[in-house]
Amino acid sequence: MHRRTEGTDSVLGGLLAVASAATFALNNASLRRGVLTGSVAQAMAITVPMGLPIFFLIALLSGSLGAVFAFSRHAVITLLIAGVVHFVWGRYCNYRATRAIGTNLTAPIQQANLIVALVLAIVVLGETLTPLKLLGIGLILFGPYLALNQQRRNAGSKAAAAEVKGEAKKEIPVFTPRYAEGIVFALLSATGYGVSPVLVRLGLEGKGLGASIAGGLIAYTAATAVMVLFLLWPANLRHALAVKPESAKWFTFSGFLVGISQMFLYMAMALAPVTVVSPINRLSIVFRLYFSKLINPEHEVFGGGVIFGTVVSLAGAALLSLHTEIAAAWLPDAWRPLLDWHWP
């Protein structure tokens, strides 16, 4: 019974991680549109505080608000740190990278957060890697690679065709990537996004799904407090209030989406190990391509490689969510020793 419950929790946690990845990808596409005319500071001033009322309302409606007081002092401190590390440090660096080199160039570099999260999960949380998880992680990393390669090939073919027709000047985008800044901040964001899942897992103390919303509320409270301190400086407040209406619209939409994405993520962390949730959450790199096409169709391409990459990544997500006992029931008994292997 315990194994069946654990397997069900892992599957549900995996599905919630996929939902988090999809909404996070739509948030990134919206944010990219906003920073075309707005600043990173303006984006932070709008998106970070929005998460607090979202989590408060959900906690209130779900009856989880009282769970805030059920956490130990150590758990509260851990969740507060997780909020600052993820919602302030990780998000700021992500926004800087996105503004400098764009969403599609930032995403592959941020894959490094998966390595950070998995190493910490093994060292700090005592989680293990199994053959199913290793195969799933490999597929999830390989899927985005296929999709992005296809996108670059299609974009290059389109530019070459346009040049032949004498349309090269029309097809060249105005945006010029600032590679040094973008790569540095993409890697820095990966540290925040890699460390925070482990902190969240520790802070939630295995209290279950309802407590995950309360945990997210605590984390967002810390992040919002940091932003309030930032906006107390008159020059920062004036700059934030000077945001253009077009940017404000996209930043608000992005803030709502990232709040919902984090809700799904905290729920997933309450049910499944970091070694399952973090790799699945990287599916956002594939979802970004589709949502970028919807929001900025003139700047994106869509090809067979993107579809194949998505299928490969989703197969990896399924393997990460698959419990060993379920896989053992489908495979010959000779496979059992391999399925039972784990590291460390």
C-alpha atoms as a PDB file:
ATOM      1  CA  MET A   1       0.000   0.000   0.000  1.00  0.00           C
ATOM      2  CA  HIS A   2       2.822   2.345   0.860  1.00  0.00           C
ATOM      3  CA  ARG A   3       4.497   1.668  -2.481  1.00  0.00           C
ATOM      4  CA  ARG A   4       1.247   2.239  -4.350  1.00  0.00           C
ATOM      5  CA  THR A   5       0.702   5.561  -2.587  1.00  0.00           C
ATOM      6  CA  GLU A   6       4.286   6.612  -3.246  1.00  0.00           C
ATOM      7  CA  GLY A   7       3.888   5.764  -6.922  1.00  0.00           C
ATOM      8  CA  THR A   8       0.626   7.719  -7.188  1.00  0.00           C
ATOM      9  CA  ASP A   9       2.191  10.742  -5.498  1.00  0.00           C
ATOM     10  CA  SER A  10       5.131  10.591  -7.890  1.00  0.00           C
ATOM     11  CA  VAL A  11       2.834  10.522 -10.936  1.00  0.00           C
ATOM     12  CA  LEU A  12       0.706  13.407  -9.638  1.00  0.00           C
ATOM     13  CA  GLY A  13       3.849  15.328  -8.732  1.00  0.00           C
ATOM     14  CA  GLY A  14       5.164  14.767 -12.249  1.00  0.00           C
ATOM     15  CA  LEU A  15       1.937  16.058 -13.814  1.00  0.00           C
ATOM     16  CA  LEU A  16       2.034  19.147 -11.601  1.00  0.00           C
ATOM     17  CA  ALA A  17       5.658  19.706 -12.634  1.00  0.00           C
ATOM     18  CA  VAL A  18       4.596  19.588 -16.310  1.00  0.00           C
ATOM     19  CA  ALA A  19       1.851  22.150 -15.586  1.00  0.00           C
ATOM     20  CA  SER A  20       4.443  24.330 -13.836  1.00  0.00           C
ATOM     21  CA  ALA A  21       6.787  24.056 -16.826  1.00  0.00           C
ATOM     22  CA  ALA A  22       4.048  25.055 -19.289  1.00  0.00           C
ATOM     23  CA  THR A  23       2.872  28.101 -17.343  1.00  0.00           C
ATOM     24  CA  PHE A  24       6.473  29.129 -16.632  1.00  0.00           C
ATOM     25  CA  ALA A  25       7.206  28.982 -20.367  1.00  0.00           C
ATOM     26  CA  LEU A  26       4.212  31.202 -21.170  1.00  0.00           C
ATOM     27  CA  ASN A  27       5.419  33.556 -18.457  1.00  0.00           C
ATOM     28  CA  ASN A  28       8.847  33.729 -20.112  1.00  0.00           C
ATOM     29  CA  ALA A  29       7.353  34.511 -23.513  1.00  0.00           C
ATOM     30  CA  SER A  30       5.240  37.271 -21.967  1.00  0.00           C
ATOM     31  CA  LEU A  31       8.203  38.642 -20.042  1.00  0.00           C
ATOM     32  CA  ARG A  32      10.280  38.712 -23.232  1.00  0.00           C
ATOM     33  CA  ARG A  33       7.620  40.868 -24.867  1.00  0.00           C
ATOM     34  CA  GLY A  34       7.581  43.218 -21.884  1.00  0.00           C
ATOM     35  CA  VAL A  35      11.345  43.795 -21.646  1.00  0.00           C
ATOM     36  CA  LEU A  36      11.458  44.912 -25.265  1.00  0.00           C
ATOM     37  CA  THR A  37      10.239  48.305 -24.032  1.00  0.00           C
ATOM     38  CA  GLY A  38      10.547  47.993 -20.231  1.00  0.00           C
ATOM     39  CA  SER A  39      13.400  47.433 -17.791  1.00  0.00           C
ATOM     40  CA  VAL A  40      14.310  44.460 -15.605  1.00  0.00           C
ATOM     41  CA  ALA A  41      13.695  46.535 -12.461  1.00  0.00           C
ATOM     42  CA  GLN A  42      10.184  47.397 -13.660  1.00  0.00           C
ATOM     43  CA  ALA A  43       9.507  43.731 -14.385  1.00  0.00           C
ATOM     44  CA  MET A  44      10.670  42.721 -10.905  1.00  0.00           C
ATOM     45  CA  ALA A  45       8.615  45.469  -9.240  1.00  0.00           C
ATOM     46  CA  ILE A  46       5.441  44.121 -10.864  1.00  0.00           C
ATOM     47  CA  THR A  47       5.907  40.344 -11.045  1.00  0.00           C
ATOM     48  CA  VAL A  48       7.391  39.579  -7.610  1.00  0.00           C
ATOM     49  CA  PRO A  49       4.727  41.231  -5.391  1.00  0.00           C
ATOM     50  CA  MET A  50       1.941  39.701  -7.505  1.00  0.00           C
ATOM     51  CA  GLY A  51       2.772  36.231  -6.221  1.00  0.00           C
ATOM     52  CA  LEU A  52       1.876  37.116  -2.625  1.00  0.00           C
ATOM     53  CA  PRO A  53      -1.870  37.817  -3.147  1.00  0.00           C
ATOM     54  CA  ILE A  54      -2.135  34.851  -5.520  1.00  0.00           C
ATOM     55  CA  PHE A  55      -0.771  32.403  -2.945  1.00  0.00           C
ATOM     56  CA  PHE A  56      -2.724  34.079  -0.126  1.00  0.00           C
ATOM     57  CA  LEU A  57      -6.018  33.768  -2.017  1.00  0.00           C
ATOM     58  CA  ILE A  58      -5.384  30.143  -2.987  1.00  0.00           C
ATOM     59  CA  ALA A  59      -4.370  29.269   0.584  1.00  0.00           C
ATOM     60  CA  LEU A  60      -7.502  30.973   1.899  1.00  0.00           C
ATOM     61  CA  LEU A  61      -9.874  29.265  -0.561  1.00  0.00           C
ATOM     62  CA  SER A  62      -8.260  25.842  -0.089  1.00  0.00           C
ATOM     63  CA  GLY A  63      -8.270  26.066   3.695  1.00  0.00           C
ATOM     64  CA  SER A  64      -4.474  25.870   3.820  1.00  0.00           C
ATOM     65  CA  LEU A  65      -3.854  29.273   5.382  1.00  0.00           C
ATOM     66  CA  GLY A  66      -3.590  27.849   8.885  1.00  0.00           C
ATOM     67  CA  ALA A  67      -0.796  25.539   7.739  1.00  0.00           C
ATOM     68  CA  VAL A  68       1.519  28.562   7.746  1.00  0.00           C
ATOM     69  CA  PHE A  69       1.711  28.256  11.546  1.00  0.00           C
ATOM     70  CA  ALA A  70       2.350  24.497  11.459  1.00  0.00           C
ATOM     71  CA  PHE A  71       5.886  24.812  10.111  1.00  0.00           C
ATOM     72  CA  SER A  72       8.840  24.634  12.437  1.00  0.00           C
ATOM     73  CA  ARG A  73      11.094  27.658  12.846  1.00  0.00           C
ATOM     74  CA  HIS A  74      13.778  25.924  10.806  1.00  0.00           C
ATOM     75  CA  ALA A  75      11.304  25.214   7.991  1.00  0.00           C
ATOM     76  CA  VAL A  76      10.073  28.819   7.936  1.00  0.00           C
ATOM     77  CA  ILE A  77      13.636  30.142   7.696  1.00  0.00           C
ATOM     78  CA  THR A  78      14.410  27.655   4.916  1.00  0.00           C
ATOM     79  CA  LEU A  79      11.305  28.696   2.949  1.00  0.00           C
ATOM     80  CA  LEU A  80      12.101  32.388   3.435  1.00  0.00           C
ATOM     81  CA  ILE A  81      15.592  31.814   2.035  1.00  0.00           C
ATOM     82  CA  ALA A  82      14.120  29.787  -0.845  1.00  0.00           C
ATOM     83  CA  GLY A  83      11.825  32.698  -1.705  1.00  0.00           C
ATOM     84  CA  VAL A  84      14.675  35.202  -1.902  1.00  0.00           C
ATOM     85  CA  VAL A  85      16.980  32.810  -3.772  1.00  0.00           C
ATOM     86  CA  HIS A  86      14.369  31.906  -6.388  1.00  0.00           C
ATOM     87  CA  PHE A  87      11.985  34.857  -6.729  1.00  0.00           C
ATOM     88  CA  VAL A  88      14.572  37.624  -6.324  1.00  0.00           C
ATOM     89  CA  TRP A  89      18.032  36.298  -7.229  1.00  0.00           C
ATOM     90  CA  GLY A  90      17.056  33.660  -9.800  1.00  0.00           C
ATOM     91  CA  ARG A  91      14.319  35.760 -11.382  1.00  0.00           C
ATOM     92  CA  TYR A  92      16.434  38.921 -11.612  1.00  0.00           C
ATOM     93  CA  CYS A  93      19.271  37.033 -13.309  1.00  0.00           C
ATOM     94  CA  ASN A  94      16.781  35.303 -15.611  1.00  0.00           C
ATOM     95  CA  TYR A  95      15.259  38.645 -16.611  1.00  0.00           C
ATOM     96  CA  ARG A  96      18.704  40.144 -17.234  1.00  0.00           C
ATOM     97  CA  ALA A  97      19.665  37.181 -19.406  1.00  0.00           C
ATOM     98  CA  THR A  98      16.352  37.285 -21.294  1.00  0.00           C
ATOM     99  CA  ARG A  99      16.701  40.981 -21.980  1.00  0.00           C
ATOM    100  CA  ALA A 100      20.307  40.536 -23.146  1.00  0.00           C
ATOM    101  CA  ILE A 101      20.071  37.458 -25.403  1.00  0.00           C
ATOM    102  CA  GLY A 102      16.387  36.502 -25.557  1.00  0.00           C
ATOM    103  CA  THR A 103      14.383  33.566 -24.226  1.00  0.00           C
ATOM    104  CA  ASN A 104      15.507  30.921 -26.707  1.00  0.00           C
ATOM    105  CA  LEU A 105      19.218  31.548 -26.141  1.00  0.00           C
ATOM    106  CA  THR A 106      18.817  31.784 -22.362  1.00  0.00           C
ATOM    107  CA  ALA A 107      16.918  28.509 -21.984  1.00  0.00           C
ATOM    108  CA  PRO A 108      19.647  26.002 -23.007  1.00  0.00           C
ATOM    109  CA  ILE A 109      22.207  27.648 -20.703  1.00  0.00           C
ATOM    110  CA  GLN A 110      19.772  27.461 -17.793  1.00  0.00           C
ATOM    111  CA  GLN A 111      19.766  23.689 -18.142  1.00  0.00           C
ATOM    112  CA  ALA A 112      22.688  23.869 -15.723  1.00  0.00           C
ATOM    113  CA  ASN A 113      20.175  24.344 -12.907  1.00  0.00           C
ATOM    114  CA  LEU A 114      19.177  20.704 -13.332  1.00  0.00           C
ATOM    115  CA  ILE A 115      22.690  19.578 -12.463  1.00  0.00           C
ATOM    116  CA  VAL A 116      22.785  21.869  -9.424  1.00  0.00           C
ATOM    117  CA  ALA A 117      19.411  20.628  -8.176  1.00  0.00           C
ATOM    118  CA  LEU A 118      20.190  16.944  -8.670  1.00  0.00           C
ATOM    119  CA  VAL A 119      23.592  17.121  -6.965  1.00  0.00           C
ATOM    120  CA  LEU A 120      22.123  18.952  -3.967  1.00  0.00           C
ATOM    121  CA  ALA A 121      19.162  16.561  -3.805  1.00  0.00           C
ATOM    122  CA  ILE A 122      21.542  13.613  -3.549  1.00  0.00           C
ATOM    123  CA  VAL A 123      23.968  15.249  -1.100  1.00  0.00           C
ATOM    124  CA  VAL A 124      21.489  17.147   1.111  1.00  0.00           C
ATOM    125  CA  LEU A 125      18.208  15.234   0.848  1.00  0.00           C
ATOM    126  CA  GLY A 126      19.630  11.747   0.476  1.00  0.00           C
ATOM    127  CA  GLU A 127      17.710  11.106  -2.740  1.00  0.00           C
ATOM    128  CA  THR A 128      18.919   8.510  -5.221  1.00  0.00           C
ATOM    129  CA  LEU A 129      19.263   8.127  -8.956  1.00  0.00           C
ATOM    130  CA  THR A 130      17.835   5.012 -10.625  1.00  0.00           C
ATOM    131  CA  PRO A 131      18.163   3.763 -14.218  1.00  0.00           C
ATOM    132  CA  LEU A 132      14.643   5.039 -14.976  1.00  0.00           C
ATOM    133  CA  LYS A 133      15.513   8.498 -13.646  1.00  0.00           C
ATOM    134  CA  LEU A 134      18.829   8.595 -15.501  1.00  0.00           C
ATOM    135  CA  LEU A 135      17.153   7.630 -18.768  1.00  0.00           C
ATOM    136  CA  GLY A 136      14.378  10.149 -18.175  1.00  0.00           C
ATOM    137  CA  ILE A 137      16.862  12.929 -17.419  1.00  0.00           C
ATOM    138  CA  GLY A 138      18.795  12.087 -20.571  1.00  0.00           C
ATOM    139  CA  LEU A 139      15.656  12.262 -22.728  1.00  0.00           C
ATOM    140  CA  ILE A 140      14.548  15.534 -21.152  1.00  0.00           C
ATOM    141  CA  LEU A 141      17.944  17.091 -21.877  1.00  0.00           C
ATOM    142  CA  PHE A 142      18.056  15.656 -25.404  1.00  0.00           C
ATOM    143  CA  GLY A 143      14.531  16.758 -26.380  1.00  0.00           C
ATOM    144  CA  PRO A 144      15.179  20.513 -26.063  1.00  0.00           C
ATOM    145  CA  TYR A 145      18.488  20.062 -27.894  1.00  0.00           C
ATOM    146  CA  LEU A 146      16.622  18.569 -30.880  1.00  0.00           C
ATOM    147  CA  ALA A 147      14.010  21.320 -30.809  1.00  0.00           C
ATOM    148  CA  LEU A 148      16.477  24.184 -30.591  1.00  0.00           C
ATOM    149  CA  ASN A 149      18.715  22.731 -33.300  1.00  0.00           C
ATOM    150  CA  GLN A 150      15.751  22.428 -35.624  1.00  0.00           C
ATOM    151  CA  GLN A 151      14.773  25.999 -34.856  1.00  0.00           C
ATOM    152  CA  ARG A 152      18.255  27.300 -35.663  1.00  0.00           C
ATOM    153  CA  ARG A 153      18.374  25.346 -38.922  1.00  0.00           C
ATOM    154  CA  ASN A 154      14.963  26.609 -39.991  1.00  0.00           C
ATOM    155  CA  ALA A 155      15.846  30.174 -39.059  1.00  0.00           C
ATOM    156  CA  GLY A 156      19.093  29.951 -41.033  1.00  0.00           C
ATOM    157  CA  SER A 157      17.290  28.559 -44.084  1.00  0.00           C
ATOM    158  CA  LYS A 158      14.697  31.313 -43.902  1.00  0.00           C
ATOM    159  CA  ALA A 159      17.362  34.022 -43.681  1.00  0.00           C
ATOM    160  CA  ALA A 160      19.275  32.526 -46.609  1.00  0.00           C
ATOM    161  CA  ALA A 161      16.149  32.360 -48.751  1.00  0.00           C
ATOM    162  CA  ALA A 162      15.296  35.953 -47.905  1.00  0.00           C
ATOM    163  CA  GLU A 163      18.795  37.088 -48.864  1.00  0.00           C
ATOM    164  CA  VAL A 164      18.502  35.395 -52.250  1.00  0.00           C
ATOM    165  CA  LYS A 165      15.254  37.292 -52.832  1.00  0.00           C
ATOM    166  CA  GLY A 166      16.852  40.549 -51.804  1.00  0.00           C
ATOM    167  CA  GLU A 167      14.858  40.675 -48.562  1.00  0.00           C
ATOM    168  CA  ALA A 168      17.744  40.173 -46.157  1.00  0.00           C
ATOM    169  CA  LYS A 169      17.463  43.655 -44.740  1.00  0.00           C
ATOM    170  CA  LYS A 170      13.785  43.132 -43.978  1.00  0.00           C
ATOM    171  CA  GLU A 171      14.317  39.761 -42.279  1.00  0.00           C
ATOM    172  CA  ILE A 172      17.200  40.748 -39.975  1.00  0.00           C
ATOM    173  CA  PRO A 173      15.800  41.422 -36.497  1.00  0.00           C
ATOM    174  CA  VAL A 174      16.494  44.720 -34.776  1.00  0.00           C
ATOM    175  CA  PHE A 175      17.448  42.915 -31.571  1.00  0.00           C
ATOM    176  CA  THR A 176      21.208  42.302 -31.213  1.00  0.00           C
ATOM    177  CA  PRO A 177      22.146  39.777 -28.492  1.00  0.00           C
ATOM    178  CA  ARG A 178      24.645  40.853 -25.832  1.00  0.00           C
ATOM    179  CA  TYR A 179      26.217  37.443 -25.403  1.00  0.00           C
ATOM    180  CA  ALA A 180      28.625  38.066 -22.508  1.00  0.00           C
ATOM    181  CA  GLU A 181      25.949  39.588 -20.272  1.00  0.00           C
ATOM    182  CA  GLY A 182      23.348  37.040 -21.280  1.00  0.00           C
ATOM    183  CA  ILE A 183      25.504  33.959 -20.710  1.00  0.00           C
ATOM    184  CA  VAL A 184      26.773  35.162 -17.321  1.00  0.00           C
ATOM    185  CA  PHE A 185      23.302  35.977 -15.996  1.00  0.00           C
ATOM    186  CA  ALA A 186      21.789  32.797 -17.454  1.00  0.00           C
ATOM    187  CA  LEU A 187      24.349  30.771 -15.488  1.00  0.00           C
ATOM    188  CA  LEU A 188      23.739  32.854 -12.362  1.00  0.00           C
ATOM    189  CA  SER A 189      19.989  32.296 -12.687  1.00  0.00           C
ATOM    190  CA  ALA A 190      20.692  28.570 -12.948  1.00  0.00           C
ATOM    191  CA  THR A 191      22.277  28.647  -9.485  1.00  0.00           C
ATOM    192  CA  GLY A 192      19.163  30.231  -7.981  1.00  0.00           C
ATOM    193  CA  TYR A 193      16.767  27.961  -9.832  1.00  0.00           C
ATOM    194  CA  GLY A 194      18.887  24.920  -8.965  1.00  0.00           C
ATOM    195  CA  VAL A 195      19.291  25.577  -5.232  1.00  0.00           C
ATOM    196  CA  SER A 196      15.707  26.677  -4.513  1.00  0.00           C
ATOM    197  CA  PRO A 197      13.961  23.311  -5.218  1.00  0.00           C
ATOM    198  CA  VAL A 198      16.140  21.627  -2.586  1.00  0.00           C
ATOM    199  CA  LEU A 199      15.385  24.396  -0.079  1.00  0.00           C
ATOM    200  CA  VAL A 200      11.666  24.095  -0.812  1.00  0.00           C
ATOM    201  CA  ARG A 201      11.748  20.320  -0.394  1.00  0.00           C
ATOM    202  CA  LEU A 202      13.503  20.740   2.963  1.00  0.00           C
ATOM    203  CA  GLY A 203      11.171  23.516   4.093  1.00  0.00           C
ATOM    204  CA  LEU A 204       7.948  21.677   3.287  1.00  0.00           C
ATOM    205  CA  GLU A 205       8.986  18.904   5.706  1.00  0.00           C
ATOM    206  CA  GLY A 206       6.852  16.346   3.870  1.00  0.00           C
ATOM    207  CA  LYS A 207       3.638  17.909   5.187  1.00  0.00           C
ATOM    208  CA  GLY A 208       1.617  17.213   2.059  1.00  0.00           C
ATOM    209  CA  LEU A 209      -0.195  19.029  -0.723  1.00  0.00           C
ATOM    210  CA  GLY A 210      -2.120  21.572   1.350  1.00  0.00           C
ATOM    211  CA  ALA A 211       0.966  22.733   3.221  1.00  0.00           C
ATOM    212  CA  SER A 212       2.773  23.352  -0.069  1.00  0.00           C
ATOM    213  CA  ILE A 213       0.539  26.376  -0.743  1.00  0.00           C
ATOM    214  CA  ALA A 214       1.311  27.730   2.726  1.00  0.00           C
ATOM    215  CA  GLY A 215       5.013  27.151   2.057  1.00  0.00           C
ATOM    216  CA  GLY A 216       4.784  29.124  -1.168  1.00  0.00           C
ATOM    217  CA  LEU A 217       3.052  31.947   0.693  1.00  0.00           C
ATOM    218  CA  ILE A 218       5.951  32.120   3.169  1.00  0.00           C
ATOM    219  CA  ALA A 219       8.508  32.159   0.339  1.00  0.00           C
ATOM    220  CA  TYR A 220       6.695  34.897  -1.575  1.00  0.00           C
ATOM    221  CA  THR A 221       6.393  36.972   1.608  1.00  0.00           C
ATOM    222  CA  ALA A 222      10.188  37.076   1.875  1.00  0.00           C
ATOM    223  CA  ALA A 223      10.632  37.965  -1.795  1.00  0.00           C
ATOM    224  CA  THR A 224       7.988  40.696  -1.619  1.00  0.00           C
ATOM    225  CA  ALA A 225       9.630  42.174   1.478  1.00  0.00           C
ATOM    226  CA  VAL A 226      12.924  42.441  -0.421  1.00  0.00           C
ATOM    227  CA  MET A 227      11.175  44.217  -3.306  1.00  0.00           C
ATOM    228  CA  VAL A 228       9.434  46.623  -0.902  1.00  0.00           C
ATOM    229  CA  LEU A 229      12.837  47.536   0.550  1.00  0.00           C
ATOM    230  CA  PHE A 230      14.127  48.080  -2.993  1.00  0.00           C
ATOM    231  CA  LEU A 231      11.201  50.367  -3.853  1.00  0.00           C
ATOM    232  CA  LEU A 232      11.620  52.442  -0.687  1.00  0.00           C
ATOM    233  CA  TRP A 233      14.502  54.160  -2.481  1.00  0.00           C
ATOM    234  CA  PRO A 234      12.782  57.131  -4.227  1.00  0.00           C
ATOM    235  CA  ALA A 235      14.726  56.783  -7.491  1.00  0.00           C
ATOM    236  CA  ASN A 236      13.811  53.093  -7.751  1.00  0.00           C
ATOM    237  CA  LEU A 237      10.145  53.823  -7.074  1.00  0.00           C
ATOM    238  CA  ARG A 238      10.055  56.598  -9.696  1.00  0.00           C
ATOM    239  CA  HIS A 239      11.627  54.280 -12.240  1.00  0.00           C
ATOM    240  CA  ALA A 240       9.146  51.498 -11.481  1.00  0.00           C
ATOM    241  CA  LEU A 241       6.179  53.857 -11.779  1.00  0.00           C
ATOM    242  CA  ALA A 242       7.472  55.153 -15.130  1.00  0.00           C
ATOM    243  CA  VAL A 243       6.796  51.788 -16.804  1.00  0.00           C
ATOM    244  CA  LYS A 244       5.109  52.106 -20.189  1.00  0.00           C
ATOM    245  CA  PRO A 245       1.518  50.810 -20.463  1.00  0.00           C
ATOM    246  CA  GLU A 246       2.501  48.180 -23.054  1.00  0.00           C
ATOM    247  CA  SER A 247       5.255  46.795 -20.818  1.00  0.00           C
ATOM    248  CA  ALA A 248       3.027  46.977 -17.733  1.00  0.00           C
ATOM    249  CA  LYS A 249       0.414  44.850 -19.514  1.00  0.00           C
ATOM    250  CA  TRP A 250       2.899  42.090 -20.347  1.00  0.00           C
ATOM    251  CA  PHE A 251       4.615  42.240 -16.955  1.00  0.00           C
ATOM    252  CA  THR A 252       1.249  41.893 -15.197  1.00  0.00           C
ATOM    253  CA  PHE A 253       0.329  38.904 -17.342  1.00  0.00           C
ATOM    254  CA  SER A 254       3.764  37.425 -16.676  1.00  0.00           C
ATOM    255  CA  GLY A 255       3.416  38.007 -12.921  1.00  0.00           C
ATOM    256  CA  PHE A 256       0.088  36.178 -12.825  1.00  0.00           C
ATOM    257  CA  LEU A 257       1.449  33.253 -14.839  1.00  0.00           C
ATOM    258  CA  VAL A 258       4.614  32.849 -12.800  1.00  0.00           C
ATOM    259  CA  GLY A 259       2.541  32.888  -9.601  1.00  0.00           C
ATOM    260  CA  ILE A 260       0.396  30.033 -10.920  1.00  0.00           C
ATOM    261  CA  SER A 261       3.527  28.242 -12.148  1.00  0.00           C
ATOM    262  CA  GLN A 262       5.094  28.428  -8.697  1.00  0.00           C
ATOM    263  CA  MET A 263       1.886  27.134  -7.112  1.00  0.00           C
ATOM    264  CA  PHE A 264       2.096  24.037  -9.325  1.00  0.00           C
ATOM    265  CA  LEU A 265       5.801  23.700  -8.546  1.00  0.00           C
ATOM    266  CA  TYR A 266       5.370  23.848  -4.764  1.00  0.00           C
ATOM    267  CA  MET A 267       2.582  21.277  -4.966  1.00  0.00           C
ATOM    268  CA  ALA A 268       4.824  19.029  -7.071  1.00  0.00           C
ATOM    269  CA  MET A 269       7.669  19.399  -4.575  1.00  0.00           C
ATOM    270  CA  ALA A 270       5.344  18.309  -1.774  1.00  0.00           C
ATOM    271  CA  LEU A 271       4.591  15.048  -3.589  1.00  0.00           C
ATOM    272  CA  ALA A 272       7.646  14.020  -5.594  1.00  0.00           C
ATOM    273  CA  PRO A 273      11.441  14.058  -5.119  1.00  0.00           C
ATOM    274  CA  VAL A 274      13.588  16.858  -6.512  1.00  0.00           C
ATOM    275  CA  THR A 275      15.223  14.301  -8.831  1.00  0.00           C
ATOM    276  CA  VAL A 276      11.793  13.893 -10.460  1.00  0.00           C
ATOM    277  CA  VAL A 277      10.368  17.417 -10.332  1.00  0.00           C
ATOM    278  CA  SER A 278      13.403  19.450 -11.416  1.00  0.00           C
ATOM    279  CA  PRO A 279      14.128  17.541 -14.653  1.00  0.00           C
ATOM    280  CA  ILE A 280      10.441  17.553 -15.632  1.00  0.00           C
ATOM    281  CA  ASN A 281      10.271  21.276 -14.939  1.00  0.00           C
ATOM    282  CA  ARG A 282      12.932  21.760 -17.618  1.00  0.00           C
ATOM    283  CA  LEU A 283      10.279  20.920 -20.199  1.00  0.00           C
ATOM    284  CA  SER A 284       9.636  24.659 -20.104  1.00  0.00           C
ATOM    285  CA  ILE A 285      12.477  25.010 -22.614  1.00  0.00           C
ATOM    286  CA  VAL A 286      10.327  23.221 -25.205  1.00  0.00           C
ATOM    287  CA  PHE A 287       7.063  24.917 -24.241  1.00  0.00           C
ATOM    288  CA  ARG A 288       8.780  28.293 -24.636  1.00  0.00           C
ATOM    289  CA  LEU A 289       9.161  27.704 -28.364  1.00  0.00           C
ATOM    290  CA  TYR A 290       5.429  27.248 -28.840  1.00  0.00           C
ATOM    291  CA  PHE A 291       4.335  30.142 -26.671  1.00  0.00           C
ATOM    292  CA  SER A 292       6.913  32.434 -28.245  1.00  0.00           C
ATOM    293  CA  LYS A 293       5.413  31.558 -31.600  1.00  0.00           C
ATOM    294  CA  LEU A 294       1.930  32.452 -30.355  1.00  0.00           C
ATOM    295  CA  ILE A 295       2.991  35.778 -28.876  1.00  0.00           C
ATOM    296  CA  ASN A 296       5.652  36.729 -31.443  1.00  0.00           C
ATOM    297  CA  PRO A 297       4.932  34.562 -34.498  1.00  0.00           C
ATOM    298  CA  GLU A 298       7.088  36.681 -36.794  1.00  0.00           C
ATOM    299  CA  HIS A 299      10.195  35.918 -34.740  1.00  0.00           C
ATOM    300  CA  GLU A 300       9.732  32.160 -34.240  1.00  0.00           C
ATOM    301  CA  VAL A 301       9.744  29.028 -36.390  1.00  0.00           C
ATOM    302  CA  PHE A 302       7.937  25.740 -35.970  1.00  0.00           C
ATOM    303  CA  GLY A 303       9.163  22.506 -37.515  1.00  0.00           C
ATOM    304  CA  GLY A 304       9.205  18.747 -37.222  1.00  0.00           C
ATOM    305  CA  GLY A 305      12.262  18.868 -34.996  1.00  0.00           C
ATOM    306  CA  VAL A 306      10.365  20.882 -32.413  1.00  0.00           C
ATOM    307  CA  ILE A 307       7.561  18.324 -32.346  1.00  0.00           C
ATOM    308  CA  PHE A 308      10.000  15.409 -32.121  1.00  0.00           C
ATOM    309  CA  GLY A 309      11.933  17.168 -29.364  1.00  0.00           C
ATOM    310  CA  THR A 310       8.731  17.619 -27.402  1.00  0.00           C
ATOM    311  CA  VAL A 311       7.815  13.939 -27.741  1.00  0.00           C
ATOM    312  CA  VAL A 312      11.292  12.881 -26.594  1.00  0.00           C
ATOM    313  CA  SER A 313      11.168  15.223 -23.582  1.00  0.00           C
ATOM    314  CA  LEU A 314       7.676  14.120 -22.595  1.00  0.00           C
ATOM    315  CA  ALA A 315       8.833  10.492 -22.773  1.00  0.00           C
ATOM    316  CA  GLY A 316      11.600  11.421 -20.351  1.00  0.00           C
ATOM    317  CA  ALA A 317       9.084  13.108 -18.055  1.00  0.00           C
ATOM    318  CA  ALA A 318       6.978   9.936 -18.086  1.00  0.00           C
ATOM    319  CA  LEU A 319       9.987   7.823 -17.109  1.00  0.00           C
ATOM    320  CA  LEU A 320      10.833  10.144 -14.214  1.00  0.00           C
ATOM    321  CA  SER A 321       7.288   9.851 -12.898  1.00  0.00           C
ATOM    322  CA  LEU A 322       7.142   6.075 -13.368  1.00  0.00           C
ATOM    323  CA  HIS A 323       7.558   4.127 -10.145  1.00  0.00           C
ATOM    324  CA  THR A 324       9.954   1.169 -10.189  1.00  0.00           C
ATOM    325  CA  GLU A 325       7.203  -1.286  -9.200  1.00  0.00           C
ATOM    326  CA  ILE A 326       5.057  -0.237 -12.163  1.00  0.00           C
ATOM    327  CA  ALA A 327       7.961  -0.610 -14.584  1.00  0.00           C
ATOM    328  CA  ALA A 328       8.835  -4.011 -13.068  1.00  0.00           C
ATOM    329  CA  ALA A 329       5.281  -5.245 -13.764  1.00  0.00           C
ATOM    330  CA  TRP A 330       5.709  -4.442 -17.461  1.00  0.00           C
ATOM    331  CA  LEU A 331       9.202  -5.856 -17.949  1.00  0.00           C
ATOM    332  CA  PRO A 332      10.601  -9.420 -17.701  1.00  0.00           C
ATOM    333  CA  ASP A 333      11.892 -10.557 -14.302  1.00  0.00           C
ATOM    334  CA  ALA A 334      15.436 -10.510 -15.683  1.00  0.00           C
ATOM    335  CA  TRP A 335      15.257  -6.705 -15.707  1.00  0.00           C
ATOM    336  CA  ARG A 336      14.521  -6.486 -11.981  1.00  0.00           C
ATOM    337  CA  PRO A 337      18.167  -6.226 -10.780  1.00  0.00           C
ATOM    338  CA  LEU A 338      18.735  -3.314 -13.165  1.00  0.00           C
ATOM    339  CA  LEU A 339      15.549  -1.558 -12.023  1.00  0.00           C
ATOM    340  CA  ASP A 340      16.517  -1.979  -8.369  1.00  0.00           C
ATOM    341  CA  TRP A 341      19.948  -0.419  -8.899  1.00  0.00           C
ATOM    342  CA  HIS A 342      20.349   3.047  -7.429  1.00  0.00           C
ATOM    343  CA  TRP A 343      23.054   5.607  -6.747  1.00  0.00           C
ATOM    344  CA  PRO A 344      24.245   6.364  -4.175  1.00  0.00           C
END
